[in-house]
């Protein structure tokens, strides 16, 4: 299957986004999805495989219209090939080739009414660090640094007076970052507005921090190790994608029990500025129909998102703005003013890119495989 296209956009209309740091990964459509989206979570990400129905696209379009200050997320397709030339030159060439092909597919045939100015972040190929792990060897690290720096450059070069977006690095899963720190900073060197994502599965859904240190909050170990190693990534927004080992409701867990855990995660993440300011804790997933589906607790989750502070979680920091645009690459980039966090800022907000409009494109690509 062709993975979902992924882009992060800011939203301008409707109710203020929840002050909770929780967001959701949406993998389908239906009442549960509508219920949670109506509660205006911090972020909404479209999962793989991509949506095939106008109803799913309409749900995220509804999020754009209803929620001011939130962020919708879509991914660029998987790399689609195994890199052979594991050198700096190979990384530069492959990133250029990859971006050239997927960018046209993603944006070159946008239907009327879908404005590129609505795009905020462009997420790199989800399998990049699986196929090329910078901790494997110096060659892998050289390739990864070159690939992400070139991809960040190419994305930033698409900026205009009205179009501002930056690269969101694909998920990292190891608490031992090694060369990953330098990979993040390679992208950061050409665009200070980049972000990175962390993916984990909680084994215990524990409300004891030590139990969750290497899973749910493993991004802290990565961030701290980078700093202690002299390659700090502090200040780079983090999107942490979280699921539960065996599924959210395995071993007889109930919706109130899962919600207790999520409140703990939300409150604990409040001390992480890199998450709290422009990132989010993305819960995988909603509407998937599998063990990770949060649909059984949609009503409880929505109620919490609507009033997190009165439920013992959340905070007063507000929603995510757009990325801090900036940086230059050979004088070719168009610097743009940064956007601070906060809810309901109409100057920062933009409408969500409609997935319903992209669905025919995705289907055509599938049929052509």
Protein backbone atom coordinates (compact mmCIF):
# COMPACT_ATOMS: atom_id res chain seq x y z
CA UNK A 1 0.00 0.00 0.00
CA UNK A 2 1.05 3.59 -0.60
CA UNK A 3 1.64 5.28 2.78
CA UNK A 4 -0.29 8.40 3.62
CA UNK A 5 1.03 11.73 2.50
CA UNK A 6 2.08 13.67 5.57
CA UNK A 7 1.97 17.36 6.18
CA UNK A 8 1.34 19.41 9.32
CA UNK A 9 -0.94 22.41 9.07
CA UNK A 10 -2.12 25.10 11.47
CA UNK A 11 -5.78 25.82 11.85
CA UNK A 12 -7.50 29.16 12.10
CA UNK A 13 -11.23 28.74 12.52
CA UNK A 14 -13.59 27.48 15.19
CA UNK A 15 -13.20 26.68 18.88
CA UNK A 16 -9.89 26.94 20.70
CA UNK A 17 -7.82 23.76 20.67
CA UNK A 18 -7.64 21.83 23.95
CA UNK A 19 -5.01 22.91 26.47
CA UNK A 20 -4.15 19.22 26.88
CA UNK A 21 -0.91 18.04 25.26
CA UNK A 22 -2.65 14.95 23.89
CA UNK A 23 -3.31 14.45 20.20
CA UNK A 24 -4.51 11.43 18.23
CA UNK A 25 -3.44 9.37 15.26
CA UNK A 26 -6.54 8.78 13.15
CA UNK A 27 -6.74 5.57 11.13
CA UNK A 28 -10.35 5.53 9.99
CA UNK A 29 -13.66 7.32 10.14
CA UNK A 30 -16.86 7.01 12.15
CA UNK A 31 -18.63 8.27 15.24
CA UNK A 32 -15.64 7.81 17.55
CA UNK A 33 -13.41 9.83 15.25
CA UNK A 34 -16.03 12.58 14.97
CA UNK A 35 -16.46 12.67 18.76
CA UNK A 36 -12.76 13.12 19.52
CA UNK A 37 -12.12 15.57 16.70
CA UNK A 38 -15.03 17.71 17.90
CA UNK A 39 -13.20 17.99 21.25
CA UNK A 40 -10.30 19.73 19.44
CA UNK A 41 -7.22 17.74 20.50
CA UNK A 42 -3.79 19.33 20.29
CA UNK A 43 -2.91 17.50 17.05
CA UNK A 44 -4.47 15.03 14.64
CA UNK A 45 -2.27 12.76 12.52
CA UNK A 46 -3.44 10.64 9.62
CA UNK A 47 -2.10 7.12 9.99
CA UNK A 48 -0.95 4.63 7.37
CA UNK A 49 -2.49 3.21 5.26
CA UNK A 50 -4.08 6.32 3.77
CA UNK A 51 -7.74 7.07 3.83
CA UNK A 52 -9.86 5.80 0.96
CA UNK A 53 -13.10 7.55 1.77
CA UNK A 54 -14.43 11.07 1.49
CA UNK A 55 -15.92 10.59 4.96
CA UNK A 56 -12.46 10.37 6.53
CA UNK A 57 -11.31 13.45 4.69
CA UNK A 58 -14.46 15.23 5.76
CA UNK A 59 -13.72 14.37 9.39
CA UNK A 60 -10.35 16.10 9.28
CA UNK A 61 -11.82 18.96 7.33
CA UNK A 62 -14.28 19.27 10.20
CA UNK A 63 -11.31 19.49 12.58
CA UNK A 64 -9.96 22.38 10.51
CA UNK A 65 -13.23 24.23 10.68
CA UNK A 66 -13.95 23.58 14.35
CA UNK A 67 -10.56 23.84 16.05
CA UNK A 68 -8.41 26.96 16.21
CA UNK A 69 -4.72 26.49 17.01
CA UNK A 70 -4.53 22.72 16.38
CA UNK A 71 -2.23 20.83 14.02
CA UNK A 72 -3.12 18.22 11.43
CA UNK A 73 -0.36 15.81 10.37
CA UNK A 74 0.15 13.77 7.19
CA UNK A 75 3.21 11.83 6.00
CA UNK A 76 5.12 11.81 2.76
CA UNK A 77 5.30 8.28 1.29
CA UNK A 78 7.81 5.66 2.43
CA UNK A 79 11.22 5.77 0.81
CA UNK A 80 10.21 2.98 -1.56
CA UNK A 81 13.74 1.68 -2.18
CA UNK A 82 16.75 0.40 -0.25
CA UNK A 83 19.63 2.89 -0.42
CA UNK A 84 22.73 1.48 -2.07
CA UNK A 85 25.20 4.36 -2.14
CA UNK A 86 25.62 4.89 1.60
CA UNK A 87 27.69 8.05 1.38
CA UNK A 88 27.08 11.75 1.81
CA UNK A 89 26.74 12.10 -1.95
CA UNK A 90 24.28 9.19 -2.02
CA UNK A 91 22.13 10.79 0.66
CA UNK A 92 22.01 14.10 -1.17
CA UNK A 93 21.13 12.47 -4.48
CA UNK A 94 18.47 10.16 -3.05
CA UNK A 95 16.80 12.96 -1.07
CA UNK A 96 16.62 15.11 -4.18
CA UNK A 97 15.19 12.28 -6.28
CA UNK A 98 12.74 11.22 -3.59
CA UNK A 99 11.44 14.71 -2.89
CA UNK A 100 11.10 15.51 -6.57
CA UNK A 101 8.86 12.51 -7.15
CA UNK A 102 6.69 12.69 -4.02
CA UNK A 103 6.30 16.46 -4.06
CA UNK A 104 4.73 16.45 -7.48
CA UNK A 105 2.42 13.60 -6.46
CA UNK A 106 1.45 15.35 -3.23
CA UNK A 107 1.06 18.92 -4.39
CA UNK A 108 1.39 19.13 -8.15
CA UNK A 109 -2.15 17.87 -8.76
CA UNK A 110 -4.00 19.42 -5.84
CA UNK A 111 -7.67 19.95 -6.70
CA UNK A 112 -9.09 23.43 -6.84
CA UNK A 113 -9.69 24.86 -3.40
CA UNK A 114 -6.72 23.13 -1.72
CA UNK A 115 -4.17 25.85 -1.02
CA UNK A 116 -0.47 24.98 -0.44
CA UNK A 117 -0.38 27.97 1.90
CA UNK A 118 -2.31 25.78 4.35
CA UNK A 119 0.67 23.44 4.81
CA UNK A 120 2.82 23.80 7.94
CA UNK A 121 5.10 20.72 8.28
CA UNK A 122 6.25 18.08 5.81
CA UNK A 123 7.06 14.75 7.43
CA UNK A 124 9.89 12.67 6.00
CA UNK A 125 9.57 9.03 4.84
CA UNK A 126 8.42 6.88 7.80
CA UNK A 127 10.86 4.07 6.98
CA UNK A 128 13.99 6.23 6.67
CA UNK A 129 15.59 5.27 9.99
CA UNK A 130 14.61 1.63 9.50
CA UNK A 131 16.43 1.36 6.18
CA UNK A 132 19.26 3.68 7.19
CA UNK A 133 20.04 3.58 10.92
CA UNK A 134 22.69 6.21 11.68
CA UNK A 135 23.88 4.10 14.64
CA UNK A 136 24.72 1.15 12.38
CA UNK A 137 27.88 2.58 10.84
CA UNK A 138 29.63 5.76 9.83
CA UNK A 139 28.37 5.24 6.29
CA UNK A 140 24.75 5.04 7.45
CA UNK A 141 25.27 8.17 9.56
CA UNK A 142 26.80 10.08 6.63
CA UNK A 143 23.87 9.11 4.40
CA UNK A 144 21.23 9.97 7.02
CA UNK A 145 22.72 13.40 7.77
CA UNK A 146 22.94 14.24 4.09
CA UNK A 147 19.42 12.97 3.36
CA UNK A 148 17.67 14.92 6.12
CA UNK A 149 19.65 18.11 5.55
CA UNK A 150 18.86 18.02 1.86
CA UNK A 151 15.20 17.20 2.52
CA UNK A 152 14.96 20.06 5.02
CA UNK A 153 16.53 22.37 2.46
CA UNK A 154 14.18 21.30 -0.33
CA UNK A 155 11.11 21.66 1.88
CA UNK A 156 12.18 25.11 3.08
CA UNK A 157 12.88 26.24 -0.47
CA UNK A 158 9.17 25.82 -1.18
CA UNK A 159 8.41 28.74 1.12
CA UNK A 160 6.93 31.91 -0.24
CA UNK A 161 5.35 34.95 1.33
CA UNK A 162 2.27 32.87 2.15
CA UNK A 163 3.66 29.32 2.33
CA UNK A 164 5.65 28.42 5.45
CA UNK A 165 6.50 24.85 6.38
CA UNK A 166 9.45 22.84 7.69
CA UNK A 167 10.56 19.22 7.94
CA UNK A 168 9.31 16.90 10.67
CA UNK A 169 11.78 14.02 10.98
CA UNK A 170 10.28 10.50 10.93
CA UNK A 171 10.00 8.51 14.19
CA UNK A 172 13.02 7.45 16.20
CA UNK A 173 12.62 4.49 18.59
CA UNK A 174 15.93 3.98 20.44
CA UNK A 175 16.76 5.69 23.72
CA UNK A 176 20.44 5.39 22.77
CA UNK A 177 20.60 8.13 20.17
CA UNK A 178 24.24 7.91 19.11
CA UNK A 179 24.60 9.55 15.70
CA UNK A 180 20.90 10.43 15.62
CA UNK A 181 21.75 13.63 17.51
CA UNK A 182 23.93 14.79 14.64
CA UNK A 183 21.26 13.79 12.13
CA UNK A 184 18.72 16.06 13.85
CA UNK A 185 21.19 18.91 13.89
CA UNK A 186 22.11 18.39 10.25
CA UNK A 187 18.51 19.22 9.37
CA UNK A 188 18.46 21.98 11.97
CA UNK A 189 21.52 23.59 10.40
CA UNK A 190 19.55 24.46 7.27
CA UNK A 191 16.21 25.12 8.97
CA UNK A 192 15.89 25.99 12.65
CA UNK A 193 12.17 25.19 12.47
CA UNK A 194 12.50 21.40 12.05
CA UNK A 195 10.97 18.93 14.52
CA UNK A 196 11.51 15.25 15.34
CA UNK A 197 9.22 12.44 16.42
CA UNK A 198 9.50 9.61 18.94
CA UNK A 199 7.50 6.37 18.81
CA UNK A 200 6.96 4.06 21.78
CA UNK A 201 4.64 1.43 23.19
CA UNK A 202 3.95 1.47 26.93
CA UNK A 203 4.18 -1.97 28.49
CA UNK A 204 2.43 -1.25 31.78
CA UNK A 205 0.39 1.95 31.34
CA UNK A 206 1.90 2.83 34.69
CA UNK A 207 1.48 6.15 36.47
CA UNK A 208 4.94 5.73 38.01
CA UNK A 209 7.47 7.73 36.02
CA UNK A 210 10.30 5.20 36.38
CA UNK A 211 8.12 2.53 34.75
CA UNK A 212 7.58 4.71 31.69
CA UNK A 213 11.03 6.27 31.42
CA UNK A 214 12.31 4.07 28.60
CA UNK A 215 9.05 3.88 26.65
CA UNK A 216 6.50 6.68 26.93
CA UNK A 217 9.07 9.27 27.98
CA UNK A 218 12.04 7.75 26.18
CA UNK A 219 12.42 10.94 24.19
CA UNK A 220 13.85 12.47 27.35
CA UNK A 221 16.77 10.03 27.29
CA UNK A 222 17.43 10.90 23.66
CA UNK A 223 17.27 14.63 24.30
CA UNK A 224 19.47 14.44 27.42
CA UNK A 225 22.03 12.12 25.80
CA UNK A 226 22.35 14.49 22.86
CA UNK A 227 22.98 17.39 25.24
CA UNK A 228 25.54 15.52 27.34
CA UNK A 229 27.31 14.42 24.17
CA UNK A 230 27.72 17.97 22.97
CA UNK A 231 25.09 17.77 20.22
CA UNK A 232 22.08 19.33 21.90
CA UNK A 233 18.62 19.04 20.35
CA UNK A 234 16.97 21.09 23.08
CA UNK A 235 14.37 23.46 21.73
CA UNK A 236 13.50 21.22 18.78
CA UNK A 237 9.76 20.40 18.96
CA UNK A 238 8.95 16.75 19.74
CA UNK A 239 5.94 14.77 18.56
CA UNK A 240 5.78 11.58 20.66
CA UNK A 241 3.59 8.80 19.21
CA UNK A 242 2.31 6.46 21.90
CA UNK A 243 0.51 3.10 21.89
CA UNK A 244 0.08 0.32 24.48
CA UNK A 245 1.76 -3.08 24.29
CA UNK A 246 -0.92 -5.57 23.36
CA UNK A 247 -3.47 -2.81 22.84
CA UNK A 248 -5.03 -0.14 25.02
CA UNK A 249 -7.68 -2.45 26.50
CA UNK A 250 -5.71 -5.70 26.81
CA UNK A 251 -5.67 -7.59 30.11
CA UNK A 252 -9.12 -6.30 30.99
CA UNK A 253 -8.22 -2.62 31.13
CA UNK A 254 -11.19 -0.27 31.13
CA UNK A 255 -11.67 3.18 29.66
CA UNK A 256 -11.34 4.92 33.07
CA UNK A 257 -8.09 3.04 33.72
CA UNK A 258 -6.60 4.02 30.38
CA UNK A 259 -7.75 7.59 30.88
CA UNK A 260 -6.00 7.70 34.27
CA UNK A 261 -2.77 6.76 32.50
CA UNK A 262 -3.30 9.36 29.78
CA UNK A 263 -3.93 12.07 32.37
CA UNK A 264 -0.63 11.12 33.99
CA UNK A 265 1.17 11.30 30.64
CA UNK A 266 -0.42 14.64 29.85
CA UNK A 267 0.50 16.19 33.20
CA UNK A 268 4.05 14.78 33.12
CA UNK A 269 4.69 16.09 29.60
CA UNK A 270 3.87 19.56 30.90
CA UNK A 271 7.48 19.87 32.11
CA UNK A 272 8.86 19.06 28.65
CA UNK A 273 9.04 22.36 26.83
CA UNK A 274 9.90 20.67 23.53
CA UNK A 275 6.58 18.81 23.69
CA UNK A 276 4.58 21.43 25.51
CA UNK A 277 5.27 24.39 23.24
CA UNK A 278 4.86 23.10 19.69
CA UNK A 279 4.84 19.29 19.85
CA UNK A 280 2.32 16.80 21.19
CA UNK A 281 1.76 13.31 22.60
CA UNK A 282 0.03 11.52 19.72
CA UNK A 283 -2.09 8.54 20.80
CA UNK A 284 -2.09 5.67 18.30
CA UNK A 285 -4.73 5.20 17.05
CA UNK A 286 -8.39 6.08 16.51
CA UNK A 287 -10.76 4.31 14.13
CA UNK A 288 -8.26 1.60 13.20
CA UNK A 289 -10.49 -1.29 14.28
CA UNK A 290 -7.51 -3.12 15.82
CA UNK A 291 -6.09 -3.50 19.35
CA UNK A 292 -4.73 0.04 19.26
CA UNK A 293 -8.12 1.57 18.54
CA UNK A 294 -9.12 4.19 21.10
CA UNK A 295 -12.72 4.15 19.86
CA UNK A 296 -14.11 2.41 23.01
CA UNK A 297 -13.06 5.42 25.10
CA UNK A 298 -13.87 8.15 22.59
CA UNK A 299 -16.52 9.73 24.79
CA UNK A 300 -14.31 9.74 27.90
CA UNK A 301 -11.30 11.04 25.95
CA UNK A 302 -13.35 13.80 24.35
CA UNK A 303 -14.73 14.88 27.73
CA UNK A 304 -11.20 15.11 29.10
CA UNK A 305 -9.92 17.08 26.11
CA UNK A 306 -12.75 19.57 26.51
CA UNK A 307 -11.92 20.19 30.16
CA UNK A 308 -8.45 18.85 31.03
CA UNK A 309 -7.69 21.21 33.90
CA UNK A 310 -10.88 20.36 35.77
CA UNK A 311 -10.03 16.67 35.30
CA UNK A 312 -6.65 16.95 36.97
CA UNK A 313 -4.48 17.22 33.85
CA UNK A 314 -3.69 19.51 30.99
CA UNK A 315 -2.44 22.99 31.61
CA UNK A 316 -2.71 26.58 30.57
CA UNK A 317 -0.09 26.69 27.85
CA UNK A 318 -2.49 26.40 24.95
CA UNK A 319 -2.13 24.85 21.54
CA UNK A 320 0.60 24.59 18.97
CA UNK A 321 1.46 27.32 16.59
CA UNK A 322 3.33 26.81 13.35
CA UNK A 323 7.04 25.98 13.28
CA UNK A 324 9.63 28.66 13.85
CA UNK A 325 10.63 29.26 10.27
CA UNK A 326 14.18 30.32 9.66
CA UNK A 327 17.62 29.28 8.59
CA UNK A 328 19.21 29.61 5.21
CA UNK A 329 20.79 27.28 2.70
CA UNK A 330 23.06 29.06 0.28
CA UNK A 331 20.81 32.08 0.41
CA UNK A 332 18.00 30.20 -1.32
CA UNK A 333 15.50 30.02 1.52
CA UNK A 334 12.80 32.55 2.28
CA UNK A 335 13.02 33.30 6.02
CA UNK A 336 9.68 33.76 7.71
CA UNK A 337 8.73 34.97 11.12
CA UNK A 338 8.40 32.36 13.84
CA UNK A 339 5.16 31.50 15.56
CA UNK A 340 4.92 31.09 19.28
CA UNK A 341 2.59 28.62 20.92
CA UNK A 342 -0.86 29.63 22.06
CA UNK A 343 -4.49 29.05 21.28
CA UNK A 344 -6.74 30.79 18.88
CA UNK A 345 -4.10 33.00 17.27
CA UNK A 346 -5.71 33.92 13.96
CA UNK A 347 -2.41 35.25 12.61
CA UNK A 348 -0.81 31.84 13.04
CA UNK A 349 -3.82 29.74 12.12
CA UNK A 350 -4.49 28.18 8.73
CA UNK A 351 -7.18 25.79 7.54
CA UNK A 352 -6.53 22.04 7.36
CA UNK A 353 -5.63 20.45 4.04
CA UNK A 354 -8.61 18.34 3.02
CA UNK A 355 -7.83 14.64 2.76
CA UNK A 356 -11.04 14.11 0.90
CA UNK A 357 -9.52 16.02 -1.98
CA UNK A 358 -6.38 13.86 -1.90
CA UNK A 359 -8.21 10.52 -1.73
CA UNK A 360 -8.66 10.14 -5.52
CA UNK A 361 -4.93 10.75 -6.01
CA UNK A 362 -4.05 8.07 -3.47
CA UNK A 363 -6.42 5.58 -5.07
CA UNK A 364 -5.00 6.24 -8.52
CA UNK A 365 -1.51 5.57 -7.23
CA UNK A 366 -2.64 2.36 -5.62
CA UNK A 367 -4.29 1.04 -8.74
CA UNK A 368 -1.19 1.80 -10.73
CA UNK A 369 1.03 -0.41 -8.55
